[in-house]
């Protein structure tokens, strides 16, 4: 059985954007309860997050933006950063531990302690831009982890697969001119945040290494699997990544309230298998998967369980 790790910390529950907000602490409560009840939790290696160091965060985010987050972090109540995103007193610590969870996961993978890790973290990250919070995201966990594995471990090529139903604008913009990162995204289109057209293919030296696949409402398992086989697999086989990262949003599930796609838990497991095959061929099986969206609690928990089980089985 492959060695799979799990990052989780109770401090992730302290990020609270208010009653009725879809990105709530209950998301992680549902995931952890499901993993415990199914027995999956007993099969994974627990990895303790640390607070990320500013030197790694500022590989992706501006120092001015990080200073603003620290300055705006409230002692009580909430501070609004954009129409969808706010900070409570526990948010900044949770964000530092979310990034630090991804970094600890990279360390565990590169040390050979595990082959892959799922990071059950909050807040999510893929919408966060270099100098702006947006779309429920404060710090771009996945983008920072990609820079970290490249610069700490001299990994030359990183593949980022973003199957969240929303386009990962922050991640794309972090790497669109960088030939060392292949960014692949499937997303409902047109949908928030409005980016991710097929014509967005990267710039300069990174042209052709941004691959966006806009999808129509209602498409599900069969369409996703066809796209992964037809588009992702040949691109990744040509790129030959040495490390694979998944922006693992589960809001393309058929029951998600914020989108209109048709994926099922079985579909997520099969997508995981495709990505695992790429990692086994090119990256010694190394996969870091980090939670992004997913807002129907039952569907989210079941999909995460299927995803981790597929990692365990690969």
Protein backbone atom coordinates (compact mmCIF):
# COMPACT_ATOMS: atom_id res chain seq x y z
CA UNK A 1 0.00 0.00 0.00
CA UNK A 2 1.30 3.45 -0.90
CA UNK A 3 2.16 5.77 1.92
CA UNK A 4 -0.30 8.66 2.14
CA UNK A 5 -0.15 11.52 4.60
CA UNK A 6 -2.79 13.90 5.98
CA UNK A 7 -2.29 17.46 7.18
CA UNK A 8 -4.89 18.84 9.60
CA UNK A 9 -4.90 21.22 12.57
CA UNK A 10 -7.77 22.42 14.80
CA UNK A 11 -6.60 26.01 14.30
CA UNK A 12 -8.02 25.78 10.76
CA UNK A 13 -11.47 25.93 12.38
CA UNK A 14 -10.68 29.34 13.90
CA UNK A 15 -10.93 31.05 10.49
CA UNK A 16 -14.59 32.09 10.47
CA UNK A 17 -16.16 34.37 7.86
CA UNK A 18 -19.56 34.40 9.53
CA UNK A 19 -22.82 32.54 9.79
CA UNK A 20 -24.12 31.39 6.43
CA UNK A 21 -20.81 31.76 4.61
CA UNK A 22 -20.27 28.64 2.46
CA UNK A 23 -16.55 28.43 3.28
CA UNK A 24 -17.16 27.47 6.90
CA UNK A 25 -15.29 25.49 9.57
CA UNK A 26 -17.96 22.80 9.18
CA UNK A 27 -16.30 21.78 5.92
CA UNK A 28 -13.29 20.38 7.77
CA UNK A 29 -15.44 18.96 10.56
CA UNK A 30 -17.41 16.99 7.97
CA UNK A 31 -14.24 15.74 6.27
CA UNK A 32 -12.58 14.58 9.47
CA UNK A 33 -15.76 12.91 10.72
CA UNK A 34 -16.15 11.03 7.43
CA UNK A 35 -12.52 9.90 7.39
CA UNK A 36 -12.82 8.62 10.95
CA UNK A 37 -16.11 6.80 10.36
CA UNK A 38 -14.93 5.14 7.14
CA UNK A 39 -11.63 3.99 8.64
CA UNK A 40 -9.56 5.98 6.15
CA UNK A 41 -8.12 8.15 8.93
CA UNK A 42 -6.48 5.10 10.50
CA UNK A 43 -4.65 4.36 7.23
CA UNK A 44 -2.91 7.71 6.75
CA UNK A 45 0.19 9.20 8.31
CA UNK A 46 -0.60 12.38 10.21
CA UNK A 47 1.68 15.31 9.37
CA UNK A 48 1.84 18.27 11.73
CA UNK A 49 1.75 21.68 10.05
CA UNK A 50 3.98 24.55 11.10
CA UNK A 51 3.50 28.26 10.70
CA UNK A 52 4.93 29.17 7.31
CA UNK A 53 7.91 31.47 7.21
CA UNK A 54 7.47 34.87 5.54
CA UNK A 55 10.44 34.17 3.26
CA UNK A 56 8.44 31.44 1.53
CA UNK A 57 5.14 33.31 1.43
CA UNK A 58 6.86 36.24 -0.28
CA UNK A 59 8.07 33.97 -3.06
CA UNK A 60 4.49 34.38 -4.34
CA UNK A 61 2.91 37.30 -2.47
CA UNK A 62 4.24 40.83 -2.17
CA UNK A 63 5.75 41.92 1.13
CA UNK A 64 3.32 44.84 1.12
CA UNK A 65 0.33 42.51 0.86
CA UNK A 66 1.58 40.34 3.70
CA UNK A 67 2.16 43.44 5.84
CA UNK A 68 -1.41 44.56 5.06
CA UNK A 69 -2.84 41.21 6.21
CA UNK A 70 -0.94 41.47 9.48
CA UNK A 71 -2.05 45.09 9.95
CA UNK A 72 -5.70 44.33 9.16
CA UNK A 73 -5.93 41.14 11.25
CA UNK A 74 -8.68 41.91 13.77
CA UNK A 75 -8.60 41.45 17.52
CA UNK A 76 -12.36 40.96 17.41
CA UNK A 77 -15.16 40.91 14.88
CA UNK A 78 -14.32 40.68 11.18
CA UNK A 79 -12.46 42.73 8.60
CA UNK A 80 -13.64 42.56 4.98
CA UNK A 81 -10.92 42.11 2.35
CA UNK A 82 -13.17 41.65 -0.69
CA UNK A 83 -16.92 41.06 -1.15
CA UNK A 84 -16.53 37.32 -0.46
CA UNK A 85 -13.54 37.24 1.86
CA UNK A 86 -12.96 38.44 5.41
CA UNK A 87 -10.69 37.81 8.38
CA UNK A 88 -11.72 36.89 11.90
CA UNK A 89 -9.28 36.92 14.85
CA UNK A 90 -8.13 33.37 14.03
CA UNK A 91 -7.83 33.80 10.27
CA UNK A 92 -4.24 34.92 9.88
CA UNK A 93 -2.91 32.14 12.10
CA UNK A 94 -5.00 29.63 10.16
CA UNK A 95 -3.65 30.98 6.88
CA UNK A 96 -0.05 30.71 8.07
CA UNK A 97 -0.71 27.14 9.24
CA UNK A 98 -2.45 26.29 5.95
CA UNK A 99 0.62 27.35 3.97
CA UNK A 100 2.84 25.71 6.57
CA UNK A 101 0.84 22.51 6.27
CA UNK A 102 1.61 22.42 2.57
CA UNK A 103 5.29 23.09 3.25
CA UNK A 104 5.42 20.36 5.91
CA UNK A 105 3.78 18.03 3.40
CA UNK A 106 6.47 18.84 0.82
CA UNK A 107 9.16 18.11 3.42
CA UNK A 108 7.58 14.74 4.31
CA UNK A 109 7.28 13.75 0.65
CA UNK A 110 10.82 14.81 -0.25
CA UNK A 111 12.20 13.00 2.81
CA UNK A 112 10.51 9.80 1.63
CA UNK A 113 8.29 9.52 4.71
CA UNK A 114 5.20 9.43 2.48
CA UNK A 115 4.53 9.37 -1.25
CA UNK A 116 1.60 11.75 -1.24
CA UNK A 117 -0.24 14.02 1.17
CA UNK A 118 -3.73 15.47 1.33
CA UNK A 119 -3.81 18.82 3.10
CA UNK A 120 -7.19 19.36 4.80
CA UNK A 121 -6.56 23.07 5.25
CA UNK A 122 -8.45 26.35 5.48
CA UNK A 123 -8.51 29.01 4.17
CA UNK A 124 -8.17 27.78 0.58
CA UNK A 125 -5.75 29.53 -1.73
CA UNK A 126 -5.98 29.34 -5.50
CA UNK A 127 -7.77 32.68 -6.02
CA UNK A 128 -5.28 34.66 -3.92
CA UNK A 129 -3.21 36.98 -6.11
CA UNK A 130 0.26 38.34 -5.37
CA UNK A 131 -1.23 41.42 -3.74
CA UNK A 132 -4.91 40.66 -3.22
CA UNK A 133 -7.22 38.37 -1.27
CA UNK A 134 -10.25 37.15 -3.19
CA UNK A 135 -12.71 34.32 -3.55
CA UNK A 136 -12.44 33.02 0.05
CA UNK A 137 -8.61 32.88 -0.28
CA UNK A 138 -5.93 34.75 1.69
CA UNK A 139 -2.63 33.04 0.79
CA UNK A 140 -2.02 30.81 -2.21
CA UNK A 141 -1.08 27.54 -0.49
CA UNK A 142 -0.43 25.61 -3.70
CA UNK A 143 1.62 28.30 -5.45
CA UNK A 144 3.80 28.80 -2.39
CA UNK A 145 4.33 25.04 -2.08
CA UNK A 146 5.39 24.89 -5.74
CA UNK A 147 8.00 27.59 -5.24
CA UNK A 148 9.15 25.93 -2.01
CA UNK A 149 9.75 22.51 -3.57
CA UNK A 150 11.60 24.14 -6.46
CA UNK A 151 13.86 26.38 -4.39
CA UNK A 152 14.45 24.25 -1.30
CA UNK A 153 14.80 20.91 -3.09
CA UNK A 154 16.00 21.99 -6.56
CA UNK A 155 13.00 20.39 -8.28
CA UNK A 156 13.11 21.59 -11.86
CA UNK A 157 9.54 21.02 -13.09
CA UNK A 158 6.24 21.12 -11.21
CA UNK A 159 2.81 20.17 -12.53
CA UNK A 160 -0.22 21.84 -10.92
CA UNK A 161 -3.59 20.23 -11.65
CA UNK A 162 -6.52 22.42 -10.58
CA UNK A 163 -9.86 20.60 -10.80
CA UNK A 164 -11.76 23.06 -8.62
CA UNK A 165 -14.93 24.23 -10.37
CA UNK A 166 -13.61 27.81 -10.28
CA UNK A 167 -10.56 28.86 -12.26
CA UNK A 168 -7.40 29.23 -10.17
CA UNK A 169 -6.59 32.76 -11.31
CA UNK A 170 -4.02 33.41 -8.58
CA UNK A 171 -2.08 30.25 -9.35
CA UNK A 172 -2.15 30.90 -13.09
CA UNK A 173 -0.89 34.45 -12.65
CA UNK A 174 1.91 33.26 -10.36
CA UNK A 175 3.40 31.05 -13.07
CA UNK A 176 2.07 32.11 -16.48
CA UNK A 177 5.49 33.32 -17.69
CA UNK A 178 7.41 30.48 -16.01
CA UNK A 179 8.49 27.47 -18.13
CA UNK A 180 9.23 25.41 -15.00
CA UNK A 181 5.55 25.09 -13.99
CA UNK A 182 2.80 23.44 -16.05
CA UNK A 183 -0.59 24.71 -14.89
CA UNK A 184 -3.66 22.70 -15.97
CA UNK A 185 -7.18 23.77 -15.02
CA UNK A 186 -10.68 22.45 -15.67
CA UNK A 187 -13.45 24.81 -14.57
CA UNK A 188 -17.05 25.75 -15.23
CA UNK A 189 -17.12 28.66 -17.66
CA UNK A 190 -18.36 31.32 -17.62
CA UNK A 191 -18.25 31.32 -13.83
CA UNK A 192 -16.42 33.11 -11.03
CA UNK A 193 -13.81 34.65 -11.31
CA UNK A 194 -14.27 35.06 -15.08
CA UNK A 195 -10.73 34.05 -16.04
CA UNK A 196 -9.56 30.79 -17.58
CA UNK A 197 -10.40 31.08 -21.25
CA UNK A 198 -8.79 28.48 -23.49
CA UNK A 199 -6.86 31.32 -25.14
CA UNK A 200 -5.01 31.99 -21.87
CA UNK A 201 -1.96 29.84 -22.58
CA UNK A 202 0.82 31.59 -20.69
CA UNK A 203 3.16 34.37 -21.73
CA UNK A 204 6.79 34.73 -22.77
CA UNK A 205 8.88 31.72 -21.83
CA UNK A 206 5.80 30.14 -20.25
CA UNK A 207 3.64 30.24 -23.36
CA UNK A 208 1.89 26.91 -23.88
CA UNK A 209 2.43 25.81 -20.28
CA UNK A 210 -0.87 27.21 -19.05
CA UNK A 211 -3.67 24.90 -20.18
CA UNK A 212 -7.23 25.99 -19.47
CA UNK A 213 -10.18 23.76 -20.30
CA UNK A 214 -13.43 25.72 -19.85
CA UNK A 215 -16.35 23.36 -19.29
CA UNK A 216 -20.08 23.71 -19.73
CA UNK A 217 -22.59 23.34 -16.92
CA UNK A 218 -23.79 19.77 -16.49
CA UNK A 219 -20.66 18.00 -17.68
CA UNK A 220 -19.63 15.18 -15.38
CA UNK A 221 -17.46 12.10 -14.91
CA UNK A 222 -17.27 11.01 -18.54
CA UNK A 223 -16.40 14.48 -19.87
CA UNK A 224 -13.79 15.11 -17.17
CA UNK A 225 -12.12 11.74 -17.71
CA UNK A 226 -12.00 12.30 -21.47
CA UNK A 227 -10.39 15.73 -21.00
CA UNK A 228 -7.81 14.41 -18.55
CA UNK A 229 -6.88 11.56 -20.90
CA UNK A 230 -6.91 13.65 -24.08
CA UNK A 231 -5.36 16.91 -22.82
CA UNK A 232 -3.64 16.54 -19.44
CA UNK A 233 -1.89 13.20 -19.96
CA UNK A 234 -0.05 14.03 -23.22
CA UNK A 235 0.90 17.50 -21.97
CA UNK A 236 2.27 16.11 -18.72
CA UNK A 237 4.05 13.26 -20.45
CA UNK A 238 5.82 15.82 -22.62
CA UNK A 239 6.58 18.13 -19.68
CA UNK A 240 7.80 15.30 -17.37
CA UNK A 241 7.09 16.88 -13.98
CA UNK A 242 9.32 15.99 -11.04
CA UNK A 243 6.61 16.92 -8.51
CA UNK A 244 2.82 17.03 -8.84
CA UNK A 245 0.42 19.31 -6.96
CA UNK A 246 -3.38 19.12 -7.02
CA UNK A 247 -5.58 22.12 -6.24
CA UNK A 248 -8.25 19.78 -4.95
CA UNK A 249 -11.56 21.57 -5.05
CA UNK A 250 -14.61 19.32 -4.82
CA UNK A 251 -17.20 21.89 -5.90
CA UNK A 252 -17.59 20.37 -9.38
CA UNK A 253 -19.61 17.66 -7.59
CA UNK A 254 -23.15 17.25 -8.87
CA UNK A 255 -24.60 18.25 -5.48
CA UNK A 256 -22.52 21.38 -4.87
CA UNK A 257 -24.62 24.53 -4.28
CA UNK A 258 -22.14 27.00 -5.83
CA UNK A 259 -21.78 25.40 -9.25
CA UNK A 260 -23.57 23.31 -11.88
CA UNK A 261 -21.23 20.47 -12.81
CA UNK A 262 -21.82 16.74 -12.57
CA UNK A 263 -18.80 15.01 -11.02
CA UNK A 264 -19.34 12.21 -8.49
CA UNK A 265 -17.13 10.71 -5.79
CA UNK A 266 -16.28 7.92 -8.21
CA UNK A 267 -15.25 10.51 -10.78
CA UNK A 268 -12.90 12.21 -8.33
CA UNK A 269 -11.34 8.83 -7.52
CA UNK A 270 -10.77 8.16 -11.22
CA UNK A 271 -9.25 11.61 -11.80
CA UNK A 272 -6.96 10.92 -8.84
CA UNK A 273 -5.90 7.68 -10.50
CA UNK A 274 -4.98 9.48 -13.73
CA UNK A 275 -2.90 12.08 -11.89
CA UNK A 276 -1.28 9.34 -9.79
CA UNK A 277 -0.26 7.55 -12.97
CA UNK A 278 1.48 10.68 -14.20
CA UNK A 279 3.24 11.09 -10.87
CA UNK A 280 4.39 7.48 -10.89
CA UNK A 281 5.78 7.82 -14.43
CA UNK A 282 7.63 11.07 -13.95
CA UNK A 283 7.75 12.23 -10.32
CA UNK A 284 8.52 9.12 -8.24
CA UNK A 285 4.85 9.10 -7.25
CA UNK A 286 5.13 12.43 -5.42
CA UNK A 287 1.80 14.23 -5.07
CA UNK A 288 0.78 17.11 -2.81
CA UNK A 289 -3.00 17.63 -2.81
CA UNK A 290 -4.47 20.67 -1.07
CA UNK A 291 -8.12 21.39 -0.36
CA UNK A 292 -9.73 24.25 -2.25
CA UNK A 293 -13.54 24.41 -2.67
CA UNK A 294 -16.47 22.08 -2.02
CA UNK A 295 -19.57 23.32 -0.22
CA UNK A 296 -22.09 20.50 0.10
CA UNK A 297 -20.80 18.95 3.30
CA UNK A 298 -21.90 15.39 2.54
CA UNK A 299 -20.58 15.46 -1.03
CA UNK A 300 -17.35 17.16 0.06
CA UNK A 301 -16.60 14.63 2.77
CA UNK A 302 -17.39 11.65 0.56
CA UNK A 303 -15.32 13.04 -2.32
CA UNK A 304 -12.29 13.71 -0.12
CA UNK A 305 -12.57 10.18 1.28
CA UNK A 306 -12.69 8.77 -2.28
CA UNK A 307 -9.72 10.93 -3.27
CA UNK A 308 -7.56 9.81 -0.34
CA UNK A 309 -8.60 6.18 -0.81
CA UNK A 310 -7.53 6.39 -4.45
CA UNK A 311 -4.15 7.77 -3.34
CA UNK A 312 -3.80 4.93 -0.84
CA UNK A 313 -4.57 2.40 -3.55
CA UNK A 314 -2.21 3.72 -6.22
